[in-house]
Amino acid sequence: ELMHGRIAQLACLGWVFPEIAHWPGKDNAFGKMNPFDALDAIPKAGWYQILGFMVACEVWRINKLKDPSYMPGDSGLGQGPGRWNPFGFNYTPEEYREKQLQEI
C-alpha cells in the first residue's frame, strides 16, 4: 500500500502541475489545462505508452516482493550497498532509521 500511496501522490501532483506550467506538444496535445480535456487529447499511442509503463512498474514491484529480504515500501533509495543515494547522505544507523520513520 505504501507504493500505491506514492503513486497517488504523484497523480495529485499531475493534477496540479498543469495549472503551474505545461509542455508544448504536437497539436497542443500536452498543453491542455483542464485534466478532463487532457484525457481526450492523448493519442492512442500515448495510452499504450502509459499502460506499458504501469505494467512495467507492477512487474518490478511484484518481483521485489519475491525477495525474502524485501521490506514493505522500500524503493531502493537511501544509503547502503546497492542503493541509490544521489545526494551522498551519510547518516549514522540511528539517524538513518529516524529518517526512514519520518518518511512514513
N, C-alpha and C. Protein backbone atom coordinates (compact mmCIF):
# COMPACT_ATOMS: atom_id res chain seq x y z
N GLU A 1 0.81 -1.20 0.00
CA GLU A 1 0.00 0.00 0.00
C GLU A 1 0.85 1.26 0.00
N LEU A 2 2.07 1.19 0.56
CA LEU A 2 2.92 2.36 0.53
C LEU A 2 3.25 2.76 -0.90
N MET A 3 3.50 1.75 -1.75
CA MET A 3 3.85 2.04 -3.14
C MET A 3 2.66 2.71 -3.85
N HIS A 4 1.45 2.20 -3.61
CA HIS A 4 0.29 2.79 -4.25
C HIS A 4 -0.01 4.19 -3.70
N GLY A 5 0.30 4.40 -2.43
CA GLY A 5 0.14 5.74 -1.87
C GLY A 5 1.06 6.74 -2.53
N ARG A 6 2.29 6.31 -2.83
CA ARG A 6 3.24 7.20 -3.51
C ARG A 6 2.77 7.49 -4.93
N ILE A 7 2.19 6.50 -5.58
CA ILE A 7 1.67 6.71 -6.93
C ILE A 7 0.50 7.70 -6.87
N ALA A 8 -0.33 7.58 -5.85
CA ALA A 8 -1.45 8.52 -5.69
C ALA A 8 -0.94 9.95 -5.46
N GLN A 9 0.17 10.08 -4.73
CA GLN A 9 0.75 11.40 -4.52
C GLN A 9 1.23 11.99 -5.85
N LEU A 10 1.85 11.15 -6.68
CA LEU A 10 2.28 11.63 -8.00
C LEU A 10 1.08 12.00 -8.87
N ALA A 11 -0.01 11.25 -8.73
CA ALA A 11 -1.21 11.58 -9.50
C ALA A 11 -1.77 12.94 -9.09
N CYS A 12 -1.75 13.22 -7.79
CA CYS A 12 -2.20 14.54 -7.33
C CYS A 12 -1.30 15.65 -7.86
N LEU A 13 0.00 15.38 -7.88
CA LEU A 13 0.93 16.35 -8.44
C LEU A 13 0.63 16.56 -9.93
N GLY A 14 0.30 15.49 -10.63
CA GLY A 14 -0.04 15.59 -12.04
C GLY A 14 -1.33 16.37 -12.28
N TRP A 15 -2.18 16.41 -11.30
CA TRP A 15 -3.42 17.17 -11.42
C TRP A 15 -3.15 18.66 -11.23
N VAL A 16 -2.21 18.99 -10.33
CA VAL A 16 -1.92 20.38 -10.00
C VAL A 16 -0.92 21.00 -10.98
N PHE A 17 0.05 20.23 -11.45
CA PHE A 17 1.15 20.77 -12.25
C PHE A 17 0.69 21.52 -13.50
N PRO A 18 -0.32 21.05 -14.25
CA PRO A 18 -0.72 21.80 -15.45
C PRO A 18 -1.21 23.22 -15.16
N GLU A 19 -1.63 23.49 -13.94
CA GLU A 19 -2.03 24.85 -13.60
C GLU A 19 -0.82 25.76 -13.46
N ILE A 20 0.35 25.17 -13.17
CA ILE A 20 1.57 25.94 -12.98
C ILE A 20 2.31 26.11 -14.30
N ALA A 21 2.47 25.02 -15.04
CA ALA A 21 3.21 25.04 -16.31
C ALA A 21 2.68 23.91 -17.18
N HIS A 22 2.97 23.97 -18.46
CA HIS A 22 2.56 22.88 -19.34
C HIS A 22 3.61 22.69 -20.42
N TRP A 23 3.65 21.48 -20.97
CA TRP A 23 4.61 21.13 -22.02
C TRP A 23 4.02 21.45 -23.38
N PRO A 24 4.79 22.09 -24.24
CA PRO A 24 4.29 22.27 -25.61
C PRO A 24 4.32 20.92 -26.33
N GLY A 25 3.41 20.74 -27.23
CA GLY A 25 3.38 19.47 -27.94
C GLY A 25 2.70 19.60 -29.28
N LYS A 26 2.75 18.53 -30.03
CA LYS A 26 2.12 18.48 -31.34
C LYS A 26 0.61 18.62 -31.19
N ASP A 27 0.03 19.49 -31.95
CA ASP A 27 -1.42 19.74 -31.94
C ASP A 27 -1.92 20.09 -30.55
N ASN A 28 -1.07 20.72 -29.74
CA ASN A 28 -1.44 21.15 -28.40
C ASN A 28 -1.89 19.99 -27.51
N ALA A 29 -1.36 18.77 -27.78
CA ALA A 29 -1.76 17.58 -27.03
C ALA A 29 -1.35 17.66 -25.56
N PHE A 30 -0.22 18.31 -25.28
CA PHE A 30 0.25 18.37 -23.91
C PHE A 30 0.05 19.75 -23.29
N GLY A 31 -0.71 20.59 -23.93
CA GLY A 31 -0.94 21.93 -23.44
C GLY A 31 -2.32 22.14 -22.86
N LYS A 32 -3.11 21.11 -22.71
CA LYS A 32 -4.46 21.25 -22.16
C LYS A 32 -4.38 21.53 -20.67
N MET A 33 -5.05 22.56 -20.24
CA MET A 33 -5.02 22.93 -18.84
C MET A 33 -6.04 22.16 -18.01
N ASN A 34 -7.17 21.84 -18.58
CA ASN A 34 -8.20 21.09 -17.87
C ASN A 34 -7.87 19.60 -17.95
N PRO A 35 -7.71 18.91 -16.82
CA PRO A 35 -7.34 17.50 -16.87
C PRO A 35 -8.34 16.63 -17.61
N PHE A 36 -9.62 16.97 -17.57
CA PHE A 36 -10.61 16.16 -18.28
C PHE A 36 -10.46 16.32 -19.79
N ASP A 37 -10.13 17.53 -20.25
CA ASP A 37 -9.87 17.74 -21.67
C ASP A 37 -8.57 17.08 -22.09
N ALA A 38 -7.61 17.04 -21.18
CA ALA A 38 -6.31 16.44 -21.50
C ALA A 38 -6.45 14.95 -21.77
N LEU A 39 -7.39 14.28 -21.10
CA LEU A 39 -7.60 12.85 -21.35
C LEU A 39 -7.99 12.59 -22.79
N ASP A 40 -8.84 13.44 -23.34
CA ASP A 40 -9.28 13.26 -24.72
C ASP A 40 -8.19 13.64 -25.73
N ALA A 41 -7.20 14.41 -25.30
CA ALA A 41 -6.15 14.88 -26.21
C ALA A 41 -5.00 13.88 -26.35
N ILE A 42 -4.96 12.86 -25.48
CA ILE A 42 -3.85 11.89 -25.55
C ILE A 42 -4.07 10.97 -26.74
N PRO A 43 -3.09 10.84 -27.63
CA PRO A 43 -3.24 9.94 -28.77
C PRO A 43 -3.22 8.48 -28.32
N LYS A 44 -3.68 7.60 -29.18
CA LYS A 44 -3.77 6.18 -28.85
C LYS A 44 -2.41 5.61 -28.46
N ALA A 45 -1.36 5.99 -29.20
CA ALA A 45 -0.01 5.50 -28.87
C ALA A 45 0.41 5.96 -27.48
N GLY A 46 -0.04 7.14 -27.06
CA GLY A 46 0.27 7.63 -25.72
C GLY A 46 -0.36 6.78 -24.64
N TRP A 47 -1.60 6.33 -24.89
CA TRP A 47 -2.26 5.44 -23.92
C TRP A 47 -1.51 4.12 -23.80
N TYR A 48 -1.03 3.60 -24.93
CA TYR A 48 -0.25 2.35 -24.88
C TYR A 48 1.04 2.56 -24.10
N GLN A 49 1.64 3.71 -24.26
CA GLN A 49 2.87 4.02 -23.54
C GLN A 49 2.60 4.10 -22.03
N ILE A 50 1.52 4.75 -21.65
CA ILE A 50 1.15 4.86 -20.24
C ILE A 50 0.86 3.47 -19.67
N LEU A 51 0.09 2.67 -20.39
CA LEU A 51 -0.24 1.33 -19.94
C LEU A 51 1.02 0.47 -19.80
N GLY A 52 1.93 0.56 -20.77
CA GLY A 52 3.18 -0.19 -20.71
C GLY A 52 4.02 0.19 -19.50
N PHE A 53 4.07 1.49 -19.18
CA PHE A 53 4.82 1.94 -18.01
C PHE A 53 4.19 1.42 -16.73
N MET A 54 2.86 1.44 -16.66
CA MET A 54 2.17 0.93 -15.47
C MET A 54 2.43 -0.55 -15.28
N VAL A 55 2.38 -1.31 -16.37
CA VAL A 55 2.64 -2.76 -16.28
C VAL A 55 4.08 -3.01 -15.84
N ALA A 56 5.03 -2.25 -16.39
CA ALA A 56 6.43 -2.42 -16.02
C ALA A 56 6.64 -2.12 -14.54
N CYS A 57 5.98 -1.09 -14.02
CA CYS A 57 6.10 -0.77 -12.59
C CYS A 57 5.54 -1.88 -11.72
N GLU A 58 4.40 -2.44 -12.12
CA GLU A 58 3.81 -3.52 -11.34
C GLU A 58 4.66 -4.79 -11.39
N VAL A 59 5.22 -5.11 -12.55
CA VAL A 59 6.09 -6.29 -12.66
C VAL A 59 7.32 -6.10 -11.78
N TRP A 60 7.90 -4.90 -11.81
CA TRP A 60 9.05 -4.60 -10.96
C TRP A 60 8.69 -4.77 -9.49
N ARG A 61 7.52 -4.25 -9.10
CA ARG A 61 7.09 -4.33 -7.71
C ARG A 61 6.86 -5.77 -7.28
N ILE A 62 6.21 -6.55 -8.13
CA ILE A 62 5.93 -7.95 -7.79
C ILE A 62 7.22 -8.75 -7.69
N ASN A 63 8.18 -8.48 -8.56
CA ASN A 63 9.46 -9.18 -8.48
C ASN A 63 10.21 -8.81 -7.20
N LYS A 64 10.06 -7.57 -6.74
CA LYS A 64 10.68 -7.19 -5.47
C LYS A 64 10.03 -7.90 -4.29
N LEU A 65 8.72 -8.16 -4.38
CA LEU A 65 8.02 -8.85 -3.30
C LEU A 65 8.51 -10.29 -3.12
N LYS A 66 9.04 -10.88 -4.17
CA LYS A 66 9.53 -12.27 -4.10
C LYS A 66 10.83 -12.38 -3.32
N ASP A 67 11.54 -11.27 -3.16
CA ASP A 67 12.80 -11.26 -2.43
C ASP A 67 12.52 -11.39 -0.93
N PRO A 68 13.09 -12.41 -0.25
CA PRO A 68 12.80 -12.59 1.19
C PRO A 68 13.30 -11.44 2.06
N SER A 69 14.28 -10.68 1.60
CA SER A 69 14.80 -9.58 2.41
C SER A 69 14.07 -8.26 2.14
N TYR A 70 13.02 -8.28 1.34
CA TYR A 70 12.29 -7.06 0.98
C TYR A 70 11.54 -6.51 2.18
N MET A 71 11.62 -5.19 2.36
CA MET A 71 10.85 -4.51 3.39
C MET A 71 9.76 -3.70 2.69
N PRO A 72 8.52 -3.74 3.16
CA PRO A 72 7.44 -3.00 2.51
C PRO A 72 7.75 -1.52 2.39
N GLY A 73 7.52 -0.97 1.20
CA GLY A 73 7.76 0.44 0.95
C GLY A 73 9.18 0.78 0.56
N ASP A 74 10.08 -0.21 0.56
CA ASP A 74 11.48 0.05 0.22
C ASP A 74 11.62 0.14 -1.29
N SER A 75 12.04 1.31 -1.76
CA SER A 75 12.19 1.51 -3.21
C SER A 75 13.66 1.54 -3.64
N GLY A 76 14.58 1.17 -2.75
CA GLY A 76 15.99 1.11 -3.10
C GLY A 76 16.72 2.43 -3.02
N LEU A 77 16.12 3.42 -2.37
CA LEU A 77 16.76 4.72 -2.20
C LEU A 77 17.43 4.78 -0.83
N GLY A 78 18.36 5.68 -0.68
CA GLY A 78 19.00 5.87 0.62
C GLY A 78 20.43 5.40 0.62
N GLN A 79 20.98 5.27 1.80
CA GLN A 79 22.38 4.88 1.90
C GLN A 79 22.51 3.40 2.15
N GLY A 80 23.64 2.86 1.76
CA GLY A 80 23.91 1.44 1.93
C GLY A 80 24.36 0.84 0.62
N PRO A 81 24.87 -0.37 0.66
CA PRO A 81 25.36 -1.00 -0.58
C PRO A 81 24.21 -1.30 -1.55
N GLY A 82 24.42 -0.96 -2.80
CA GLY A 82 23.43 -1.24 -3.84
C GLY A 82 22.24 -0.31 -3.84
N ARG A 83 22.29 0.78 -3.12
CA ARG A 83 21.17 1.71 -3.05
C ARG A 83 21.55 3.01 -3.75
N TRP A 84 20.55 3.71 -4.26
CA TRP A 84 20.77 4.97 -4.98
C TRP A 84 20.74 6.11 -3.98
N ASN A 85 21.84 6.81 -3.83
CA ASN A 85 21.98 7.91 -2.88
C ASN A 85 22.53 9.12 -3.63
N PRO A 86 21.67 9.83 -4.40
CA PRO A 86 22.16 10.90 -5.27
C PRO A 86 22.78 12.09 -4.53
N PHE A 87 22.39 12.34 -3.29
CA PHE A 87 22.91 13.49 -2.56
C PHE A 87 24.08 13.12 -1.65
N GLY A 88 24.43 11.85 -1.59
CA GLY A 88 25.58 11.41 -0.80
C GLY A 88 25.40 11.57 0.70
N PHE A 89 24.16 11.42 1.20
CA PHE A 89 23.93 11.50 2.64
C PHE A 89 24.69 10.38 3.34
N ASN A 90 25.22 10.68 4.51
CA ASN A 90 25.97 9.68 5.27
C ASN A 90 25.54 9.77 6.72
N TYR A 91 24.36 9.22 7.02
CA TYR A 91 23.81 9.25 8.37
C TYR A 91 24.35 8.07 9.18
N THR A 92 24.33 8.23 10.49
CA THR A 92 24.60 7.09 11.36
C THR A 92 23.40 6.16 11.27
N PRO A 93 23.55 4.88 11.66
CA PRO A 93 22.39 3.97 11.60
C PRO A 93 21.17 4.47 12.38
N GLU A 94 21.40 5.12 13.52
CA GLU A 94 20.28 5.65 14.30
C GLU A 94 19.59 6.80 13.56
N GLU A 95 20.40 7.71 12.99
CA GLU A 95 19.83 8.83 12.24
C GLU A 95 19.08 8.33 11.00
N TYR A 96 19.64 7.32 10.34
CA TYR A 96 19.01 6.78 9.13
C TYR A 96 17.66 6.15 9.45
N ARG A 97 17.60 5.40 10.54
CA ARG A 97 16.33 4.79 10.96
C ARG A 97 15.30 5.87 11.28
N GLU A 98 15.74 6.95 11.94
CA GLU A 98 14.82 8.06 12.24
C GLU A 98 14.31 8.71 10.96
N LYS A 99 15.19 8.89 9.97
CA LYS A 99 14.77 9.47 8.70
C LYS A 99 13.76 8.57 7.99
N GLN A 100 13.97 7.26 8.09
CA GLN A 100 13.01 6.34 7.47
C GLN A 100 11.64 6.45 8.14
N LEU A 101 11.61 6.61 9.45
CA LEU A 101 10.33 6.78 10.14
C LEU A 101 9.68 8.11 9.81
N GLN A 102 10.48 9.15 9.61
CA GLN A 102 9.92 10.45 9.26
C GLN A 102 9.25 10.42 7.89
N GLU A 103 9.75 9.56 6.99
CA GLU A 103 9.16 9.46 5.66
C GLU A 103 7.73 8.94 5.73
N ILE A 104 7.49 8.00 6.60
CA ILE A 104 6.15 7.40 6.72
C ILE A 104 5.25 8.38 7.41
